[in-house]
Amino acid sequence: MEDVIGEKYRRHDFSYTKRDINVFFSRLQEQDDDVAAWSGHTITKLKQVLARCLVETGMLDGVRSTALNHILISSELEAGIRENNDLAALAPFNCFR
């Protein structure tokens, strides 16, 4: 989420395609030998699960959507993330304050 979605929000690029998730997994496989050993079926299933997560969180309208939605998180959630000093976790929520 931080790598793909957070970076897209940071660049104000609200497009989303299968290419984005494919590039993410390709890079991950290049960086981690364990991930490189995953089967094609495993990668496909993970892509499906991530797409569903994006839909369920409202970041996408549907699994075939090509535009990221603006996300608003509650001030309480944002404060909790900041208190835990997990600032990188705010990027996927389009929160750069």
PDB file of N, CA and C in Angstrom:
ATOM      1  N   MET A   1       0.826  -1.188   0.000  1.00  0.00           N
ATOM      2  CA  MET A   1       0.000   0.000   0.000  1.00  0.00           C
ATOM      3  C   MET A   1       0.874   1.256   0.000  1.00  0.00           C
ATOM      4  N   GLU A   2       1.892   1.253   0.833  1.00  0.00           N
ATOM      5  CA  GLU A   2       2.757   2.430   0.892  1.00  0.00           C
ATOM      6  C   GLU A   2       3.482   2.639  -0.430  1.00  0.00           C
ATOM      7  N   ASP A   3       3.940   1.545  -1.040  1.00  0.00           N
ATOM      8  CA  ASP A   3       4.733   1.653  -2.260  1.00  0.00           C
ATOM      9  C   ASP A   3       3.919   2.099  -3.462  1.00  0.00           C
ATOM     10  N   VAL A   4       2.773   1.514  -3.676  1.00  0.00           N
ATOM     11  CA  VAL A   4       2.009   1.793  -4.893  1.00  0.00           C
ATOM     12  C   VAL A   4       0.997   2.906  -4.668  1.00  0.00           C
ATOM     13  N   ILE A   5       0.073   2.683  -3.768  1.00  0.00           N
ATOM     14  CA  ILE A   5      -1.018   3.636  -3.567  1.00  0.00           C
ATOM     15  C   ILE A   5      -0.494   4.935  -2.963  1.00  0.00           C
ATOM     16  N   GLY A   6       0.338   4.831  -1.945  1.00  0.00           N
ATOM     17  CA  GLY A   6       0.889   6.033  -1.322  1.00  0.00           C
ATOM     18  C   GLY A   6       1.659   6.894  -2.306  1.00  0.00           C
ATOM     19  N   GLU A   7       2.451   6.249  -3.144  1.00  0.00           N
ATOM     20  CA  GLU A   7       3.235   7.002  -4.134  1.00  0.00           C
ATOM     21  C   GLU A   7       2.325   7.662  -5.172  1.00  0.00           C
ATOM     22  N   LYS A   8       1.268   6.985  -5.556  1.00  0.00           N
ATOM     23  CA  LYS A   8       0.328   7.582  -6.512  1.00  0.00           C
ATOM     24  C   LYS A   8      -0.342   8.814  -5.908  1.00  0.00           C
ATOM     25  N   TYR A   9      -0.789   8.709  -4.669  1.00  0.00           N
ATOM     26  CA  TYR A   9      -1.395   9.870  -4.016  1.00  0.00           C
ATOM     27  C   TYR A   9      -0.369  11.005  -3.890  1.00  0.00           C
ATOM     28  N   ARG A  10       0.856  10.653  -3.552  1.00  0.00           N
ATOM     29  CA  ARG A  10       1.907  11.658  -3.381  1.00  0.00           C
ATOM     30  C   ARG A  10       2.129  12.441  -4.674  1.00  0.00           C
ATOM     31  N   ARG A  11       2.049  11.752  -5.811  1.00  0.00           N
ATOM     32  CA  ARG A  11       2.259  12.386  -7.118  1.00  0.00           C
ATOM     33  C   ARG A  11       0.971  12.969  -7.701  1.00  0.00           C
ATOM     34  N   HIS A  12      -0.121  12.852  -6.971  1.00  0.00           N
ATOM     35  CA  HIS A  12      -1.437  13.306  -7.450  1.00  0.00           C
ATOM     36  C   HIS A  12      -1.825  12.585  -8.736  1.00  0.00           C
ATOM     37  N   ASP A  13      -1.458  11.322  -8.802  1.00  0.00           N
ATOM     38  CA  ASP A  13      -1.796  10.452  -9.938  1.00  0.00           C
ATOM     39  C   ASP A  13      -2.862   9.486  -9.442  1.00  0.00           C
ATOM     40  N   PHE A  14      -4.100   9.719  -9.799  1.00  0.00           N
ATOM     41  CA  PHE A  14      -5.192   8.914  -9.282  1.00  0.00           C
ATOM     42  C   PHE A  14      -5.604   7.799 -10.236  1.00  0.00           C
ATOM     43  N   SER A  15      -4.762   7.513 -11.228  1.00  0.00           N
ATOM     44  CA  SER A  15      -5.031   6.388 -12.119  1.00  0.00           C
ATOM     45  C   SER A  15      -4.587   5.098 -11.429  1.00  0.00           C
ATOM     46  N   TYR A  16      -5.234   4.012 -11.794  1.00  0.00           N
ATOM     47  CA  TYR A  16      -4.857   2.710 -11.245  1.00  0.00           C
ATOM     48  C   TYR A  16      -5.137   1.662 -12.313  1.00  0.00           C
ATOM     49  N   THR A  17      -4.113   0.883 -12.635  1.00  0.00           N
ATOM     50  CA  THR A  17      -4.267  -0.175 -13.636  1.00  0.00           C
ATOM     51  C   THR A  17      -3.626  -1.452 -13.127  1.00  0.00           C
ATOM     52  N   LYS A  18      -3.880  -2.525 -13.842  1.00  0.00           N
ATOM     53  CA  LYS A  18      -3.250  -3.799 -13.490  1.00  0.00           C
ATOM     54  C   LYS A  18      -1.733  -3.683 -13.589  1.00  0.00           C
ATOM     55  N   ARG A  19      -1.278  -2.820 -14.445  1.00  0.00           N
ATOM     56  CA  ARG A  19       0.165  -2.623 -14.596  1.00  0.00           C
ATOM     57  C   ARG A  19       0.792  -2.187 -13.278  1.00  0.00           C
ATOM     58  N   ASP A  20       0.088  -1.346 -12.507  1.00  0.00           N
ATOM     59  CA  ASP A  20       0.620  -0.871 -11.228  1.00  0.00           C
ATOM     60  C   ASP A  20       0.913  -2.027 -10.282  1.00  0.00           C
ATOM     61  N   ILE A  21      -0.029  -2.946 -10.165  1.00  0.00           N
ATOM     62  CA  ILE A  21       0.160  -4.069  -9.248  1.00  0.00           C
ATOM     63  C   ILE A  21       1.165  -5.072  -9.821  1.00  0.00           C
ATOM     64  N   ASN A  22       1.185  -5.214 -11.156  1.00  0.00           N
ATOM     65  CA  ASN A  22       2.173  -6.104 -11.776  1.00  0.00           C
ATOM     66  C   ASN A  22       3.590  -5.601 -11.544  1.00  0.00           C
ATOM     67  N   VAL A  23       3.794  -4.298 -11.691  1.00  0.00           N
ATOM     68  CA  VAL A  23       5.112  -3.704 -11.449  1.00  0.00           C
ATOM     69  C   VAL A  23       5.505  -3.891  -9.984  1.00  0.00           C
ATOM     70  N   PHE A  24       4.541  -3.703  -9.087  1.00  0.00           N
ATOM     71  CA  PHE A  24       4.823  -3.888  -7.662  1.00  0.00           C
ATOM     72  C   PHE A  24       5.341  -5.300  -7.393  1.00  0.00           C
ATOM     73  N   PHE A  25       4.634  -6.310  -7.896  1.00  0.00           N
ATOM     74  CA  PHE A  25       5.057  -7.689  -7.637  1.00  0.00           C
ATOM     75  C   PHE A  25       6.366  -8.017  -8.349  1.00  0.00           C
ATOM     76  N   SER A  26       6.592  -7.477  -9.516  1.00  0.00           N
ATOM     77  CA  SER A  26       7.868  -7.709 -10.208  1.00  0.00           C
ATOM     78  C   SER A  26       9.032  -7.160  -9.392  1.00  0.00           C
ATOM     79  N   ARG A  27       8.868  -5.952  -8.892  1.00  0.00           N
ATOM     80  CA  ARG A  27       9.929  -5.355  -8.071  1.00  0.00           C
ATOM     81  C   ARG A  27      10.136  -6.150  -6.786  1.00  0.00           C
ATOM     82  N   LEU A  28       9.031  -6.573  -6.178  1.00  0.00           N
ATOM     83  CA  LEU A  28       9.123  -7.346  -4.946  1.00  0.00           C
ATOM     84  C   LEU A  28       9.858  -8.660  -5.186  1.00  0.00           C
ATOM     85  N   GLN A  29       9.587  -9.302  -6.309  1.00  0.00           N
ATOM     86  CA  GLN A  29      10.265 -10.548  -6.644  1.00  0.00           C
ATOM     87  C   GLN A  29      11.755 -10.330  -6.903  1.00  0.00           C
ATOM     88  N   GLU A  30      12.098  -9.193  -7.462  1.00  0.00           N
ATOM     89  CA  GLU A  30      13.510  -8.875  -7.696  1.00  0.00           C
ATOM     90  C   GLU A  30      14.251  -8.634  -6.393  1.00  0.00           C
ATOM     91  N   GLN A  31      13.555  -8.095  -5.397  1.00  0.00           N
ATOM     92  CA  GLN A  31      14.178  -7.723  -4.132  1.00  0.00           C
ATOM     93  C   GLN A  31      14.225  -8.852  -3.115  1.00  0.00           C
ATOM     94  N   ASP A  32      13.368  -9.852  -3.262  1.00  0.00           N
ATOM     95  CA  ASP A  32      13.242 -10.881  -2.227  1.00  0.00           C
ATOM     96  C   ASP A  32      13.189 -12.262  -2.871  1.00  0.00           C
ATOM     97  N   ASP A  33      14.189 -13.077  -2.563  1.00  0.00           N
ATOM     98  CA  ASP A  33      14.261 -14.417  -3.150  1.00  0.00           C
ATOM     99  C   ASP A  33      13.079 -15.292  -2.742  1.00  0.00           C
ATOM    100  N   ASP A  34      12.575 -15.111  -1.523  1.00  0.00           N
ATOM    101  CA  ASP A  34      11.422 -15.898  -1.083  1.00  0.00           C
ATOM    102  C   ASP A  34      10.191 -15.574  -1.921  1.00  0.00           C
ATOM    103  N   VAL A  35       9.992 -14.293  -2.195  1.00  0.00           N
ATOM    104  CA  VAL A  35       8.855 -13.877  -3.022  1.00  0.00           C
ATOM    105  C   VAL A  35       9.060 -14.380  -4.452  1.00  0.00           C
ATOM    106  N   ALA A  36      10.286 -14.350  -4.920  1.00  0.00           N
ATOM    107  CA  ALA A  36      10.585 -14.829  -6.271  1.00  0.00           C
ATOM    108  C   ALA A  36      10.231 -16.312  -6.418  1.00  0.00           C
ATOM    109  N   ALA A  37      10.253 -17.047  -5.320  1.00  0.00           N
ATOM    110  CA  ALA A  37       9.950 -18.478  -5.363  1.00  0.00           C
ATOM    111  C   ALA A  37       8.447 -18.775  -5.312  1.00  0.00           C
ATOM    112  N   TRP A  38       7.619 -17.765  -5.081  1.00  0.00           N
ATOM    113  CA  TRP A  38       6.167 -17.990  -5.042  1.00  0.00           C
ATOM    114  C   TRP A  38       5.679 -18.432  -6.412  1.00  0.00           C
ATOM    115  N   SER A  39       4.675 -19.265  -6.404  1.00  0.00           N
ATOM    116  CA  SER A  39       4.100 -19.736  -7.670  1.00  0.00           C
ATOM    117  C   SER A  39       3.290 -18.622  -8.339  1.00  0.00           C
ATOM    118  N   GLY A  40       3.074 -18.776  -9.617  1.00  0.00           N
ATOM    119  CA  GLY A  40       2.248 -17.828 -10.355  1.00  0.00           C
ATOM    120  C   GLY A  40       0.837 -17.779  -9.788  1.00  0.00           C
ATOM    121  N   HIS A  41       0.336 -18.918  -9.338  1.00  0.00           N
ATOM    122  CA  HIS A  41      -1.002 -18.984  -8.741  1.00  0.00           C
ATOM    123  C   HIS A  41      -1.061 -18.142  -7.467  1.00  0.00           C
ATOM    124  N   THR A  42      -0.027 -18.219  -6.665  1.00  0.00           N
ATOM    125  CA  THR A  42       0.019 -17.439  -5.422  1.00  0.00           C
ATOM    126  C   THR A  42       0.015 -15.951  -5.727  1.00  0.00           C
ATOM    127  N   ILE A  43       0.827 -15.530  -6.673  1.00  0.00           N
ATOM    128  CA  ILE A  43       0.892 -14.114  -7.058  1.00  0.00           C
ATOM    129  C   ILE A  43      -0.472 -13.650  -7.583  1.00  0.00           C
ATOM    130  N   THR A  44      -1.098 -14.448  -8.423  1.00  0.00           N
ATOM    131  CA  THR A  44      -2.410 -14.100  -8.967  1.00  0.00           C
ATOM    132  C   THR A  44      -3.431 -13.936  -7.852  1.00  0.00           C
ATOM    133  N   LYS A  45      -3.423 -14.861  -6.903  1.00  0.00           N
ATOM    134  CA  LYS A  45      -4.375 -14.796  -5.792  1.00  0.00           C
ATOM    135  C   LYS A  45      -4.124 -13.550  -4.941  1.00  0.00           C
ATOM    136  N   LEU A  46      -2.870 -13.237  -4.677  1.00  0.00           N
ATOM    137  CA  LEU A  46      -2.547 -12.039  -3.903  1.00  0.00           C
ATOM    138  C   LEU A  46      -3.004 -10.771  -4.617  1.00  0.00           C
ATOM    139  N   LYS A  47      -2.851 -10.741  -5.921  1.00  0.00           N
ATOM    140  CA  LYS A  47      -3.323  -9.582  -6.696  1.00  0.00           C
ATOM    141  C   LYS A  47      -4.831  -9.430  -6.555  1.00  0.00           C
ATOM    142  N   GLN A  48      -5.552 -10.551  -6.591  1.00  0.00           N
ATOM    143  CA  GLN A  48      -7.009 -10.519  -6.427  1.00  0.00           C
ATOM    144  C   GLN A  48      -7.394 -10.025  -5.039  1.00  0.00           C
ATOM    145  N   VAL A  49      -6.703 -10.515  -4.035  1.00  0.00           N
ATOM    146  CA  VAL A  49      -6.995 -10.118  -2.647  1.00  0.00           C
ATOM    147  C   VAL A  49      -6.704  -8.632  -2.457  1.00  0.00           C
ATOM    148  N   LEU A  50      -5.588  -8.162  -2.979  1.00  0.00           N
ATOM    149  CA  LEU A  50      -5.267  -6.738  -2.858  1.00  0.00           C
ATOM    150  C   LEU A  50      -6.294  -5.871  -3.572  1.00  0.00           C
ATOM    151  N   ALA A  51      -6.748  -6.306  -4.730  1.00  0.00           N
ATOM    152  CA  ALA A  51      -7.778  -5.549  -5.453  1.00  0.00           C
ATOM    153  C   ALA A  51      -9.058  -5.484  -4.625  1.00  0.00           C
ATOM    154  N   ARG A  52      -9.448  -6.599  -4.022  1.00  0.00           N
ATOM    155  CA  ARG A  52     -10.652  -6.608  -3.177  1.00  0.00           C
ATOM    156  C   ARG A  52     -10.469  -5.685  -1.971  1.00  0.00           C
ATOM    157  N   CYS A  53      -9.285  -5.678  -1.401  1.00  0.00           N
ATOM    158  CA  CYS A  53      -9.005  -4.791  -0.256  1.00  0.00           C
ATOM    159  C   CYS A  53      -9.165  -3.326  -0.665  1.00  0.00           C
ATOM    160  N   LEU A  54      -8.682  -2.979  -1.852  1.00  0.00           N
ATOM    161  CA  LEU A  54      -8.813  -1.604  -2.330  1.00  0.00           C
ATOM    162  C   LEU A  54     -10.281  -1.234  -2.531  1.00  0.00           C
ATOM    163  N   VAL A  55     -11.080  -2.184  -2.973  1.00  0.00           N
ATOM    164  CA  VAL A  55     -12.513  -1.941  -3.142  1.00  0.00           C
ATOM    165  C   VAL A  55     -13.186  -1.816  -1.777  1.00  0.00           C
ATOM    166  N   GLU A  56     -12.883  -2.735  -0.875  1.00  0.00           N
ATOM    167  CA  GLU A  56     -13.529  -2.740   0.441  1.00  0.00           C
ATOM    168  C   GLU A  56     -13.172  -1.514   1.275  1.00  0.00           C
ATOM    169  N   THR A  57     -12.011  -0.931   1.050  1.00  0.00           N
ATOM    170  CA  THR A  57     -11.630   0.279   1.774  1.00  0.00           C
ATOM    171  C   THR A  57     -12.131   1.543   1.087  1.00  0.00           C
ATOM    172  N   GLY A  58     -12.719   1.387  -0.101  1.00  0.00           N
ATOM    173  CA  GLY A  58     -13.239   2.538  -0.822  1.00  0.00           C
ATOM    174  C   GLY A  58     -12.219   3.239  -1.690  1.00  0.00           C
ATOM    175  N   MET A  59     -11.016   2.698  -1.771  1.00  0.00           N
ATOM    176  CA  MET A  59      -9.996   3.322  -2.613  1.00  0.00           C
ATOM    177  C   MET A  59     -10.321   3.148  -4.089  1.00  0.00           C
ATOM    178  N   LEU A  60     -11.003   2.050  -4.416  1.00  0.00           N
ATOM    179  CA  LEU A  60     -11.490   1.807  -5.769  1.00  0.00           C
ATOM    180  C   LEU A  60     -12.994   1.561  -5.696  1.00  0.00           C
ATOM    181  N   ASP A  61     -13.718   1.943  -6.743  1.00  0.00           N
ATOM    182  CA  ASP A  61     -15.158   1.698  -6.779  1.00  0.00           C
ATOM    183  C   ASP A  61     -15.477   0.242  -7.078  1.00  0.00           C
ATOM    184  N   GLY A  62     -14.607  -0.430  -7.809  1.00  0.00           N
ATOM    185  CA  GLY A  62     -14.792  -1.838  -8.164  1.00  0.00           C
ATOM    186  C   GLY A  62     -13.471  -2.415  -8.611  1.00  0.00           C
ATOM    187  N   VAL A  63     -13.408  -3.738  -8.753  1.00  0.00           N
ATOM    188  CA  VAL A  63     -12.132  -4.371  -9.106  1.00  0.00           C
ATOM    189  C   VAL A  63     -11.655  -3.982 -10.503  1.00  0.00           C
ATOM    190  N   ARG A  64     -12.554  -3.488 -11.337  1.00  0.00           N
ATOM    191  CA  ARG A  64     -12.166  -3.055 -12.681  1.00  0.00           C
ATOM    192  C   ARG A  64     -12.004  -1.535 -12.782  1.00  0.00           C
ATOM    193  N   SER A  65     -12.131  -0.855 -11.677  1.00  0.00           N
ATOM    194  CA  SER A  65     -11.990   0.609 -11.665  1.00  0.00           C
ATOM    195  C   SER A  65     -10.571   1.007 -12.040  1.00  0.00           C
ATOM    196  N   THR A  66     -10.464   2.149 -12.672  1.00  0.00           N
ATOM    197  CA  THR A  66      -9.145   2.626 -13.087  1.00  0.00           C
ATOM    198  C   THR A  66      -8.799   3.969 -12.458  1.00  0.00           C
ATOM    199  N   ALA A  67      -9.578   4.365 -11.445  1.00  0.00           N
ATOM    200  CA  ALA A  67      -9.309   5.633 -10.767  1.00  0.00           C
ATOM    201  C   ALA A  67      -9.377   5.433  -9.261  1.00  0.00           C
ATOM    202  N   LEU A  68      -8.344   5.912  -8.578  1.00  0.00           N
ATOM    203  CA  LEU A  68      -8.332   5.868  -7.121  1.00  0.00           C
ATOM    204  C   LEU A  68      -9.228   6.969  -6.574  1.00  0.00           C
ATOM    205  N   ASN A  69      -9.952   6.649  -5.538  1.00  0.00           N
ATOM    206  CA  ASN A  69     -10.801   7.631  -4.869  1.00  0.00           C
ATOM    207  C   ASN A  69     -10.001   8.367  -3.806  1.00  0.00           C
ATOM    208  N   HIS A  70     -10.440   9.568  -3.498  1.00  0.00           N
ATOM    209  CA  HIS A  70      -9.851  10.310  -2.391  1.00  0.00           C
ATOM    210  C   HIS A  70     -10.313   9.658  -1.092  1.00  0.00           C
ATOM    211  N   ILE A  71      -9.406   9.462  -0.185  1.00  0.00           N
ATOM    212  CA  ILE A  71      -9.712   8.802   1.074  1.00  0.00           C
ATOM    213  C   ILE A  71      -9.582   9.803   2.216  1.00  0.00           C
ATOM    214  N   LEU A  72     -10.553   9.803   3.077  1.00  0.00           N
ATOM    215  CA  LEU A  72     -10.491  10.622   4.280  1.00  0.00           C
ATOM    216  C   LEU A  72     -10.503   9.692   5.484  1.00  0.00           C
ATOM    217  N   ILE A  73      -9.524   9.843   6.341  1.00  0.00           N
ATOM    218  CA  ILE A  73      -9.524   9.043   7.568  1.00  0.00           C
ATOM    219  C   ILE A  73      -9.903   9.951   8.725  1.00  0.00           C
ATOM    220  N   SER A  74     -10.392   9.332   9.775  1.00  0.00           N
ATOM    221  CA  SER A  74     -10.811  10.124  10.931  1.00  0.00           C
ATOM    222  C   SER A  74      -9.597  10.749  11.605  1.00  0.00           C
ATOM    223  N   SER A  75      -9.823  11.844  12.264  1.00  0.00           N
ATOM    224  CA  SER A  75      -8.726  12.520  12.954  1.00  0.00           C
ATOM    225  C   SER A  75      -8.182  11.635  14.072  1.00  0.00           C
ATOM    226  N   GLU A  76      -9.041  10.807  14.667  1.00  0.00           N
ATOM    227  CA  GLU A  76      -8.589   9.898  15.725  1.00  0.00           C
ATOM    228  C   GLU A  76      -7.629   8.847  15.178  1.00  0.00           C
ATOM    229  N   LEU A  77      -7.967   8.286  14.002  1.00  0.00           N
ATOM    230  CA  LEU A  77      -7.088   7.296  13.387  1.00  0.00           C
ATOM    231  C   LEU A  77      -5.763   7.937  12.996  1.00  0.00           C
ATOM    232  N   GLU A  78      -5.831   9.098  12.391  1.00  0.00           N
ATOM    233  CA  GLU A  78      -4.601   9.793  12.013  1.00  0.00           C
ATOM    234  C   GLU A  78      -3.742  10.079  13.237  1.00  0.00           C
ATOM    235  N   ALA A  79      -4.359  10.540  14.305  1.00  0.00           N
ATOM    236  CA  ALA A  79      -3.607  10.838  15.533  1.00  0.00           C
ATOM    237  C   ALA A  79      -2.953   9.579  16.086  1.00  0.00           C
ATOM    238  N   GLY A  80      -3.675   8.463  16.059  1.00  0.00           N
ATOM    239  CA  GLY A  80      -3.114   7.205  16.551  1.00  0.00           C
ATOM    240  C   GLY A  80      -1.918   6.756  15.736  1.00  0.00           C
ATOM    241  N   ILE A  81      -2.014   6.892  14.425  1.00  0.00           N
ATOM    242  CA  ILE A  81      -0.893   6.518  13.551  1.00  0.00           C
ATOM    243  C   ILE A  81       0.301   7.415  13.835  1.00  0.00           C
ATOM    244  N   ARG A  82       0.044   8.697  14.019  1.00  0.00           N
ATOM    245  CA  ARG A  82       1.136   9.631  14.316  1.00  0.00           C
ATOM    246  C   ARG A  82       1.750   9.328  15.686  1.00  0.00           C
ATOM    247  N   GLU A  83       0.915   9.014  16.677  1.00  0.00           N
ATOM    248  CA  GLU A  83       1.432   8.689  18.008  1.00  0.00           C
ATOM    249  C   GLU A  83       2.321   7.460  17.973  1.00  0.00           C
ATOM    250  N   ASN A  84       1.999   6.516  17.092  1.00  0.00           N
ATOM    251  CA  ASN A  84       2.822   5.316  16.940  1.00  0.00           C
ATOM    252  C   ASN A  84       4.045   5.565  16.061  1.00  0.00           C
ATOM    253  N   ASN A  85       4.176   6.810  15.579  1.00  0.00           N
ATOM    254  CA  ASN A  85       5.293   7.209  14.711  1.00  0.00           C
ATOM    255  C   ASN A  85       5.396   6.326  13.468  1.00  0.00           C
ATOM    256  N   ASP A  86       4.228   5.964  12.930  1.00  0.00           N
ATOM    257  CA  ASP A  86       4.175   5.144  11.719  1.00  0.00           C
ATOM    258  C   ASP A  86       3.721   6.015  10.555  1.00  0.00           C
ATOM    259  N   LEU A  87       4.446   7.097  10.337  1.00  0.00           N
ATOM    260  CA  LEU A  87       4.048   8.110   9.365  1.00  0.00           C
ATOM    261  C   LEU A  87       3.937   7.575   7.942  1.00  0.00           C
ATOM    262  N   ALA A  88       4.732   6.574   7.597  1.00  0.00           N
ATOM    263  CA  ALA A  88       4.654   6.000   6.251  1.00  0.00           C
ATOM    264  C   ALA A  88       3.287   5.372   6.013  1.00  0.00           C
ATOM    265  N   ALA A  89       2.614   4.953   7.061  1.00  0.00           N
ATOM    266  CA  ALA A  89       1.280   4.339   6.920  1.00  0.00           C
ATOM    267  C   ALA A  89       0.220   5.359   6.534  1.00  0.00           C
ATOM    268  N   LEU A  90       0.518   6.634   6.625  1.00  0.00           N
ATOM    269  CA  LEU A  90      -0.453   7.671   6.265  1.00  0.00           C
ATOM    270  C   LEU A  90      -0.538   7.888   4.749  1.00  0.00           C
ATOM    271  N   ALA A  91       0.527   7.607   4.032  1.00  0.00           N
ATOM    272  CA  ALA A  91       0.569   7.848   2.583  1.00  0.00           C
ATOM    273  C   ALA A  91      -0.552   7.137   1.836  1.00  0.00           C
ATOM    274  N   PRO A  92      -0.849   5.857   2.126  1.00  0.00           N
ATOM    275  CA  PRO A  92      -1.926   5.198   1.386  1.00  0.00           C
ATOM    276  C   PRO A  92      -3.311   5.793   1.669  1.00  0.00           C
ATOM    277  N   PHE A  93      -3.393   6.653   2.648  1.00  0.00           N
ATOM    278  CA  PHE A  93      -4.658   7.315   2.964  1.00  0.00           C
ATOM    279  C   PHE A  93      -4.662   8.752   2.448  1.00  0.00           C
ATOM    280  N   ASN A  94      -3.703   9.055   1.567  1.00  0.00           N
ATOM    281  CA  ASN A  94      -3.601  10.385   0.969  1.00  0.00           C
ATOM    282  C   ASN A  94      -3.473  11.464   2.036  1.00  0.00           C
ATOM    283  N   CYS A  95      -2.714  11.149   3.069  1.00  0.00           N
ATOM    284  CA  CYS A  95      -2.554  12.054   4.201  1.00  0.00           C
ATOM    285  C   CYS A  95      -1.083  12.446   4.316  1.00  0.00           C
ATOM    286  N   PHE A  96      -0.771  13.649   3.877  1.00  0.00           N
ATOM    287  CA  PHE A  96       0.621  14.104   3.849  1.00  0.00           C
ATOM    288  C   PHE A  96       0.841  15.349   4.694  1.00  0.00           C
ATOM    289  N   ARG A  97      -0.045  15.634   5.623  1.00  0.00           N
ATOM    290  CA  ARG A  97       0.098  16.834   6.456  1.00  0.00           C
ATOM    291  C   ARG A  97       1.192  16.649   7.463  1.00  0.00           C
TER     292      ARG A  97
END
